[in-house]
Structures are given as structure tokens and as C-alpha cells.
Amino acid sequence: MLHCISGYPTPIDQANIKQMQNLAKRFNINVGLSDHTLGTIASVAAVAQGANLIEKHFTISRQDKGPDSEFSLEPEDLKKLCIDAKDAWLSLGKEGFNIQRAEKGNKVFRRSLYFVRDLPKGHIIRENDVRRIRPGMGLAPKYFEKILGKRISKKVSRGKAISLEDFD
């Protein structure tokens, strides 16, 4: 199904791209956009909102003055739309907080969990035993609550990055 505003051309502020989500949910189908706006912004925005198809008027030259030429794309515009739509699609990724490949070398800038005191084997972890600090070489901060109350399986030193292997 294609969402379409039948304005020729459609003003960008009336493209109502979010309607695609409503149509997809209401009819339980994939939705695209029949775009009558000037330029390519609405089409790229639609891709960013999950459009799986874009319909856009095309002309070899707007100088031909056809009935749709004012809001039709010329060859260079279409090429730009294809590149930008592909990049928008690639940028979507997926839900979750997994570390991306581009972030792997930047662990030093992330925080992780570290022991802030020397602790004996068998110690039960309390809040003041652990801090979220840089570099990100230890267990991610999202595990802070999960390690509270856990028993340490071996003696640990202040400043050691925490790992799951530190616990029984």
C-alpha cells in the first residue's frame, strides 16, 4: 500500500509521512510512499520511517513542461534519491544496545564496572564496592544491579575491571 497526498505538488509540511505507520498497523501490511512533494526529502524521510517502496514522478527534463514536470525528478535527482534512500535504510539498523563495529576501538571512552576496593574471596558485593568508570574494559554498566548481592569467587584488587568470572 502506498500513502499518498494528492497535491500537485504537495507542500512538504503536508506530506504526513507518519500516516504510513498508521496504515501499516491498521492493515498489517508493508507501506510505501507515493511522493508528490518537490525534491527528495519526503521520500528519504519515508524510508527512515520504514517505507519499503517509493513512487516518484520522473522526467528526462523539466523543460519539457509536462503536466507533472514541476514535481518530477530529473535523472540526477533520481540518482540522489536512490543513494540517499539506500543510506537512510542502512542507517536504521535494529533495536538494541549492541556495540557497533565502528565503536570497537573506542572502548576507552565508554564506562564499565570496576572494583573500587580490595575485596576478599567470598565478599558479597555492595554498591560502594563498585563504580562505573572509564575505560570500558569491564562489564557494561547495565549489569550493575545484577551483580549487587553476588559473592566474589576470588580475591580482587582495587581498580580491577569486573567480569562475570569474578562471581560464584
C-alpha atoms as a PDB file:
ATOM      1  CA  MET A   1       0.000   0.000   0.000  1.00  0.00           C
ATOM      2  CA  LEU A   2       1.248   3.481  -0.787  1.00  0.00           C
ATOM      3  CA  HIS A   3       0.457   6.512   1.326  1.00  0.00           C
ATOM      4  CA  CYS A   4      -0.328   9.438  -0.973  1.00  0.00           C
ATOM      5  CA  ILE A   5      -1.299  13.092  -0.643  1.00  0.00           C
ATOM      6  CA  SER A   6      -2.810  14.159  -3.954  1.00  0.00           C
ATOM      7  CA  GLY A   7      -1.460  17.683  -4.032  1.00  0.00           C
ATOM      8  CA  TYR A   8       0.428  18.527  -7.214  1.00  0.00           C
ATOM      9  CA  PRO A   9       2.851  19.448  -5.827  1.00  0.00           C
ATOM     10  CA  THR A  10       2.260  18.570  -2.185  1.00  0.00           C
ATOM     11  CA  PRO A  11       3.769  21.087   0.254  1.00  0.00           C
ATOM     12  CA  ILE A  12       6.430  19.345   2.356  1.00  0.00           C
ATOM     13  CA  ASP A  13       4.641  20.263   5.599  1.00  0.00           C
ATOM     14  CA  GLN A  14       1.565  18.372   4.384  1.00  0.00           C
ATOM     15  CA  ALA A  15       3.287  15.127   3.327  1.00  0.00           C
ATOM     16  CA  ASN A  16       2.131  13.478   6.602  1.00  0.00           C
ATOM     17  CA  ILE A  17       4.750  10.727   6.449  1.00  0.00           C
ATOM     18  CA  LYS A  18       3.720   9.380   9.865  1.00  0.00           C
ATOM     19  CA  GLN A  19       0.438   8.229   8.325  1.00  0.00           C
ATOM     20  CA  MET A  20       2.418   5.328   6.847  1.00  0.00           C
ATOM     21  CA  GLN A  21       2.864   3.828  10.317  1.00  0.00           C
ATOM     22  CA  ASN A  22      -0.867   4.060  10.922  1.00  0.00           C
ATOM     23  CA  LEU A  23      -1.659   2.337   7.610  1.00  0.00           C
ATOM     24  CA  ALA A  24       0.902  -0.409   8.230  1.00  0.00           C
ATOM     25  CA  LYS A  25      -0.513  -1.112  11.674  1.00  0.00           C
ATOM     26  CA  ARG A  26      -4.176  -0.793  10.662  1.00  0.00           C
ATOM     27  CA  PHE A  27      -3.933  -3.125   7.667  1.00  0.00           C
ATOM     28  CA  ASN A  28      -0.972  -5.237   8.848  1.00  0.00           C
ATOM     29  CA  ILE A  29       0.931  -4.676   5.597  1.00  0.00           C
ATOM     30  CA  ASN A  30       4.092  -3.057   4.279  1.00  0.00           C
ATOM     31  CA  VAL A  31       3.586   0.565   3.323  1.00  0.00           C
ATOM     32  CA  GLY A  32       5.423   2.894   0.960  1.00  0.00           C
ATOM     33  CA  LEU A  33       5.004   6.451  -0.283  1.00  0.00           C
ATOM     34  CA  SER A  34       3.631   7.948  -3.468  1.00  0.00           C
ATOM     35  CA  ASP A  35       5.537  11.218  -3.197  1.00  0.00           C
ATOM     36  CA  HIS A  36       4.303  14.375  -4.911  1.00  0.00           C
ATOM     37  CA  THR A  37       6.466  16.817  -2.954  1.00  0.00           C
ATOM     38  CA  LEU A  38       9.244  18.849  -4.530  1.00  0.00           C
ATOM     39  CA  GLY A  39      12.678  17.304  -4.114  1.00  0.00           C
ATOM     40  CA  THR A  40      13.575  14.102  -2.296  1.00  0.00           C
ATOM     41  CA  ILE A  41      13.320  14.928   1.422  1.00  0.00           C
ATOM     42  CA  ALA A  42       9.862  13.389   1.933  1.00  0.00           C
ATOM     43  CA  SER A  43      10.909  10.176   0.192  1.00  0.00           C
ATOM     44  CA  VAL A  44      14.048   9.824   2.295  1.00  0.00           C
ATOM     45  CA  ALA A  45      12.049  10.598   5.450  1.00  0.00           C
ATOM     46  CA  ALA A  46       9.560   7.906   4.423  1.00  0.00           C
ATOM     47  CA  VAL A  47      12.362   5.356   4.100  1.00  0.00           C
ATOM     48  CA  ALA A  48      13.566   6.371   7.566  1.00  0.00           C
ATOM     49  CA  GLN A  49      10.022   5.666   8.795  1.00  0.00           C
ATOM     50  CA  GLY A  50      10.072   2.198   7.230  1.00  0.00           C
ATOM     51  CA  ALA A  51       8.760   2.715   3.682  1.00  0.00           C
ATOM     52  CA  ASN A  52       9.575  -0.285   1.557  1.00  0.00           C
ATOM     53  CA  LEU A  53       8.676   1.404  -1.730  1.00  0.00           C
ATOM     54  CA  ILE A  54       8.879   4.935  -3.087  1.00  0.00           C
ATOM     55  CA  GLU A  55       6.895   6.111  -6.118  1.00  0.00           C
ATOM     56  CA  LYS A  56       8.101   9.403  -7.536  1.00  0.00           C
ATOM     57  CA  HIS A  57       7.351  11.077 -10.853  1.00  0.00           C
ATOM     58  CA  PHE A  58      10.295  11.171 -13.262  1.00  0.00           C
ATOM     59  CA  THR A  59      11.123  13.238 -16.334  1.00  0.00           C
ATOM     60  CA  ILE A  60      14.169  13.499 -18.540  1.00  0.00           C
ATOM     61  CA  SER A  61      13.851  17.305 -18.352  1.00  0.00           C
ATOM     62  CA  ARG A  62      11.520  19.677 -16.533  1.00  0.00           C
ATOM     63  CA  GLN A  63      11.955  21.989 -19.525  1.00  0.00           C
ATOM     64  CA  ASP A  64       9.619  19.659 -21.453  1.00  0.00           C
ATOM     65  CA  LYS A  65       6.781  21.202 -19.385  1.00  0.00           C
ATOM     66  CA  GLY A  66       4.692  18.057 -18.994  1.00  0.00           C
ATOM     67  CA  PRO A  67       1.710  18.005 -16.622  1.00  0.00           C
ATOM     68  CA  ASP A  68       3.830  16.561 -13.787  1.00  0.00           C
ATOM     69  CA  SER A  69       7.164  18.185 -14.641  1.00  0.00           C
ATOM     70  CA  GLU A  70       7.095  20.687 -11.752  1.00  0.00           C
ATOM     71  CA  PHE A  71       7.377  17.958  -9.085  1.00  0.00           C
ATOM     72  CA  SER A  72       9.091  15.265 -11.175  1.00  0.00           C
ATOM     73  CA  LEU A  73      12.681  14.234 -10.647  1.00  0.00           C
ATOM     74  CA  GLU A  74      15.283  14.616 -13.363  1.00  0.00           C
ATOM     75  CA  PRO A  75      17.984  11.932 -13.791  1.00  0.00           C
ATOM     76  CA  GLU A  76      20.468  13.494 -11.319  1.00  0.00           C
ATOM     77  CA  ASP A  77      17.682  13.972  -8.746  1.00  0.00           C
ATOM     78  CA  LEU A  78      16.666  10.331  -9.117  1.00  0.00           C
ATOM     79  CA  LYS A  79      20.262   9.210  -8.657  1.00  0.00           C
ATOM     80  CA  LYS A  80      20.476  11.319  -5.464  1.00  0.00           C
ATOM     81  CA  LEU A  81      17.174   9.876  -4.219  1.00  0.00           C
ATOM     82  CA  CYS A  82      18.422   6.323  -4.741  1.00  0.00           C
ATOM     83  CA  ILE A  83      21.675   6.982  -2.880  1.00  0.00           C
ATOM     84  CA  ASP A  84      20.017   8.886  -0.023  1.00  0.00           C
ATOM     85  CA  ALA A  85      17.174   6.364   0.339  1.00  0.00           C
ATOM     86  CA  LYS A  86      19.654   3.481   0.476  1.00  0.00           C
ATOM     87  CA  ASP A  87      21.739   5.303   3.094  1.00  0.00           C
ATOM     88  CA  ALA A  88      18.610   6.102   5.122  1.00  0.00           C
ATOM     89  CA  TRP A  89      17.629   2.419   5.014  1.00  0.00           C
ATOM     90  CA  LEU A  90      21.121   1.291   6.026  1.00  0.00           C
ATOM     91  CA  SER A  91      21.148   3.777   8.909  1.00  0.00           C
ATOM     92  CA  LEU A  92      18.052   2.223  10.502  1.00  0.00           C
ATOM     93  CA  GLY A  93      19.864  -0.791  11.924  1.00  0.00           C
ATOM     94  CA  LYS A  94      17.984  -2.738  14.575  1.00  0.00           C
ATOM     95  CA  GLU A  95      16.807  -2.223  18.120  1.00  0.00           C
ATOM     96  CA  GLY A  96      19.226  -2.897  20.928  1.00  0.00           C
ATOM     97  CA  PHE A  97      22.334  -1.512  22.564  1.00  0.00           C
ATOM     98  CA  ASN A  98      24.883  -3.835  20.979  1.00  0.00           C
ATOM     99  CA  ILE A  99      28.287  -2.314  20.331  1.00  0.00           C
ATOM    100  CA  GLN A 100      28.651  -1.476  16.654  1.00  0.00           C
ATOM    101  CA  ARG A 101      31.844  -2.324  14.712  1.00  0.00           C
ATOM    102  CA  ALA A 102      32.660   1.397  14.474  1.00  0.00           C
ATOM    103  CA  GLU A 103      32.677   1.598  18.288  1.00  0.00           C
ATOM    104  CA  LYS A 104      35.050  -1.301  18.958  1.00  0.00           C
ATOM    105  CA  GLY A 105      38.159   0.901  19.017  1.00  0.00           C
ATOM    106  CA  ASN A 106      36.509   3.414  21.324  1.00  0.00           C
ATOM    107  CA  LYS A 107      36.099   1.257  24.416  1.00  0.00           C
ATOM    108  CA  VAL A 108      38.434   3.621  26.207  1.00  0.00           C
ATOM    109  CA  PHE A 109      35.701   6.289  26.047  1.00  0.00           C
ATOM    110  CA  ARG A 110      32.974   4.011  27.425  1.00  0.00           C
ATOM    111  CA  ARG A 111      32.304   3.275  31.051  1.00  0.00           C
ATOM    112  CA  SER A 112      32.325  -0.139  32.645  1.00  0.00           C
ATOM    113  CA  LEU A 113      32.243  -1.630  36.121  1.00  0.00           C
ATOM    114  CA  TYR A 114      35.368  -1.661  38.284  1.00  0.00           C
ATOM    115  CA  PHE A 115      36.098  -2.737  41.834  1.00  0.00           C
ATOM    116  CA  VAL A 116      36.983   0.334  43.905  1.00  0.00           C
ATOM    117  CA  ARG A 117      38.328  -1.565  46.934  1.00  0.00           C
ATOM    118  CA  ASP A 118      40.443  -4.619  47.614  1.00  0.00           C
ATOM    119  CA  LEU A 119      37.945  -7.376  48.431  1.00  0.00           C
ATOM    120  CA  PRO A 120      38.440 -10.870  49.877  1.00  0.00           C
ATOM    121  CA  LYS A 121      37.168 -14.092  48.304  1.00  0.00           C
ATOM    122  CA  GLY A 122      33.549 -14.691  49.368  1.00  0.00           C
ATOM    123  CA  HIS A 123      32.709 -10.994  49.819  1.00  0.00           C
ATOM    124  CA  ILE A 124      29.122 -10.070  48.936  1.00  0.00           C
ATOM    125  CA  ILE A 125      29.084  -7.093  46.538  1.00  0.00           C
ATOM    126  CA  ARG A 126      27.526  -3.856  47.774  1.00  0.00           C
ATOM    127  CA  GLU A 127      27.020  -0.562  45.950  1.00  0.00           C
ATOM    128  CA  ASN A 128      30.117   1.074  47.435  1.00  0.00           C
ATOM    129  CA  ASP A 129      32.341  -1.779  46.165  1.00  0.00           C
ATOM    130  CA  VAL A 130      31.786  -0.913  42.508  1.00  0.00           C
ATOM    131  CA  ARG A 131      31.854   2.170  40.250  1.00  0.00           C
ATOM    132  CA  ARG A 132      31.030   2.913  36.626  1.00  0.00           C
ATOM    133  CA  ILE A 133      34.236   4.418  35.242  1.00  0.00           C
ATOM    134  CA  ARG A 134      36.429   4.546  32.132  1.00  0.00           C
ATOM    135  CA  PRO A 135      37.872   2.731  30.260  1.00  0.00           C
ATOM    136  CA  GLY A 136      35.193   0.323  29.131  1.00  0.00           C
ATOM    137  CA  MET A 137      37.257  -2.827  29.563  1.00  0.00           C
ATOM    138  CA  GLY A 138      34.988  -4.478  32.098  1.00  0.00           C
ATOM    139  CA  LEU A 139      31.373  -5.487  32.465  1.00  0.00           C
ATOM    140  CA  ALA A 140      28.903  -2.978  30.998  1.00  0.00           C
ATOM    141  CA  PRO A 141      27.148  -0.625  33.458  1.00  0.00           C
ATOM    142  CA  LYS A 142      23.799  -2.253  32.651  1.00  0.00           C
ATOM    143  CA  TYR A 143      24.936  -5.182  34.838  1.00  0.00           C
ATOM    144  CA  PHE A 144      25.405  -3.019  37.965  1.00  0.00           C
ATOM    145  CA  GLU A 145      22.133  -4.064  39.622  1.00  0.00           C
ATOM    146  CA  LYS A 146      22.656  -7.705  38.646  1.00  0.00           C
ATOM    147  CA  ILE A 147      25.995  -8.033  40.437  1.00  0.00           C
ATOM    148  CA  LEU A 148      24.821  -6.450  43.677  1.00  0.00           C
ATOM    149  CA  GLY A 149      24.475  -9.203  46.273  1.00  0.00           C
ATOM    150  CA  LYS A 150      26.684 -11.626  44.312  1.00  0.00           C
ATOM    151  CA  ARG A 151      29.539 -13.455  46.036  1.00  0.00           C
ATOM    152  CA  ILE A 152      33.092 -12.916  44.738  1.00  0.00           C
ATOM    153  CA  SER A 153      34.747 -16.201  43.707  1.00  0.00           C
ATOM    154  CA  LYS A 154      38.318 -14.972  44.307  1.00  0.00           C
ATOM    155  CA  LYS A 155      40.228 -12.131  45.944  1.00  0.00           C
ATOM    156  CA  VAL A 156      40.096  -8.945  43.811  1.00  0.00           C
ATOM    157  CA  SER A 157      42.164  -5.783  43.827  1.00  0.00           C
ATOM    158  CA  ARG A 158      41.043  -2.177  43.700  1.00  0.00           C
ATOM    159  CA  GLY A 159      40.958  -0.962  40.087  1.00  0.00           C
ATOM    160  CA  LYS A 160      40.244  -4.366  38.540  1.00  0.00           C
ATOM    161  CA  ALA A 161      37.726  -4.346  35.697  1.00  0.00           C
ATOM    162  CA  ILE A 162      34.787  -6.567  36.640  1.00  0.00           C
ATOM    163  CA  SER A 163      33.868  -9.660  34.621  1.00  0.00           C
ATOM    164  CA  LEU A 164      31.235 -12.338  35.156  1.00  0.00           C
ATOM    165  CA  GLU A 165      34.041 -14.783  36.012  1.00  0.00           C
ATOM    166  CA  ASP A 166      34.630 -12.818  39.248  1.00  0.00           C
ATOM    167  CA  PHE A 167      31.465 -14.276  40.785  1.00  0.00           C
ATOM    168  CA  ASP A 168      30.247 -17.684  42.004  1.00  0.00           C
END
